[in-house]
Amino acid sequence: MADGKLLDRIAIDAAICAGRPCVRGTRIPIAIILDGLAEGLTAEQIIDHYPQLAPDDIRATLAYAGELAREQVWKTAV
């Protein structure tokens, strides 16, 4: 699936999770998925914890993170 299609799986809505990016149709922030991957969880383990997710949702979170990195939108600790 192309990155553009993957990014369609990400939603940002001020009424859901305070506007944090989430997997479309869920209240699962992509930060939770990225944190799990960073901790060493596999996509399958994350899906076991959140069975409403599909493998393309995991890939969509990575595509979203990649897009942010390309846009050079970074927050740094002060």
Protein backbone atom coordinates (compact mmCIF):
# COMPACT_ATOMS: atom_id res chain seq x y z
CA MET A 1 0.00 0.00 0.00
CA ALA A 2 1.38 3.42 -0.97
CA ASP A 3 2.18 5.93 1.78
CA GLY A 4 -0.64 8.21 0.62
CA LYS A 5 -3.20 5.45 1.11
CA LEU A 6 -1.65 4.53 4.44
CA LEU A 7 -1.92 8.11 5.65
CA ASP A 8 -5.67 7.95 4.98
CA ARG A 9 -5.79 5.56 7.94
CA ILE A 10 -4.70 8.36 10.31
CA ALA A 11 -7.25 10.85 11.63
CA ILE A 12 -6.83 14.10 13.50
CA ASP A 13 -10.04 15.34 15.09
CA ALA A 14 -10.20 17.88 17.92
CA ALA A 15 -13.14 15.94 19.40
CA ILE A 16 -11.16 12.68 19.62
CA CYS A 17 -8.13 12.25 21.90
CA ALA A 18 -7.75 16.03 22.18
CA GLY A 19 -6.76 16.27 18.53
CA ARG A 20 -3.85 13.87 18.75
CA PRO A 21 -3.35 11.75 15.62
CA CYS A 22 -5.19 8.42 15.96
CA VAL A 23 -5.90 5.41 13.85
CA ARG A 24 -9.08 6.30 11.93
CA GLY A 25 -12.20 4.81 13.48
CA THR A 26 -10.51 4.21 16.84
CA ARG A 27 -9.36 6.20 19.83
CA ILE A 28 -5.89 4.69 19.66
CA PRO A 29 -3.27 7.45 19.40
CA ILE A 30 -0.50 6.65 16.99
CA ALA A 31 1.98 7.61 19.72
CA ILE A 32 0.89 4.50 21.66
CA ILE A 33 1.68 2.31 18.66
CA LEU A 34 5.01 4.02 18.00
CA ASP A 35 5.97 3.71 21.68
CA GLY A 36 5.19 0.00 21.57
CA LEU A 37 7.34 -0.48 18.48
CA ALA A 38 10.15 1.53 20.09
CA GLU A 39 9.97 -0.74 23.14
CA GLY A 40 10.48 -3.75 20.90
CA LEU A 41 6.92 -5.02 20.53
CA THR A 42 6.12 -6.57 17.19
CA ALA A 43 3.17 -5.48 15.08
CA GLU A 44 1.50 -8.76 15.99
CA GLN A 45 1.91 -8.10 19.72
CA ILE A 46 0.42 -4.63 19.36
CA ILE A 47 -2.52 -6.06 17.42
CA ASP A 48 -2.98 -8.65 20.19
CA HIS A 49 -3.33 -5.74 22.66
CA TYR A 50 -5.54 -3.73 20.29
CA PRO A 51 -7.44 -6.27 18.16
CA GLN A 52 -9.34 -3.53 16.31
CA LEU A 53 -6.06 -2.66 14.55
CA ALA A 54 -4.96 -4.16 11.26
CA PRO A 55 -1.38 -4.59 10.04
CA ASP A 56 -1.88 -1.63 7.67
CA ASP A 57 -2.70 0.54 10.71
CA ILE A 58 0.73 -0.23 12.14
CA ARG A 59 2.35 0.62 8.80
CA ALA A 60 0.28 3.83 8.66
CA THR A 61 1.69 5.00 11.99
CA LEU A 62 5.21 4.48 10.67
CA ALA A 63 4.36 6.30 7.44
CA TYR A 64 2.94 9.19 9.47
CA ALA A 65 6.07 9.36 11.63
CA GLY A 66 8.22 9.30 8.50
CA GLU A 67 6.20 12.14 7.00
CA LEU A 68 6.73 14.24 10.13
CA ALA A 69 10.46 13.57 10.01
CA ARG A 70 10.61 14.62 6.35
CA GLU A 71 8.74 17.83 7.17
CA GLN A 72 11.29 18.52 9.89
CA VAL A 73 8.61 19.07 12.51
CA TRP A 74 10.39 18.23 15.72
CA LYS A 75 9.81 19.08 19.33
CA THR A 76 12.91 19.31 21.42
CA ALA A 77 13.29 19.24 25.17
CA VAL A 78 14.12 22.59 26.67
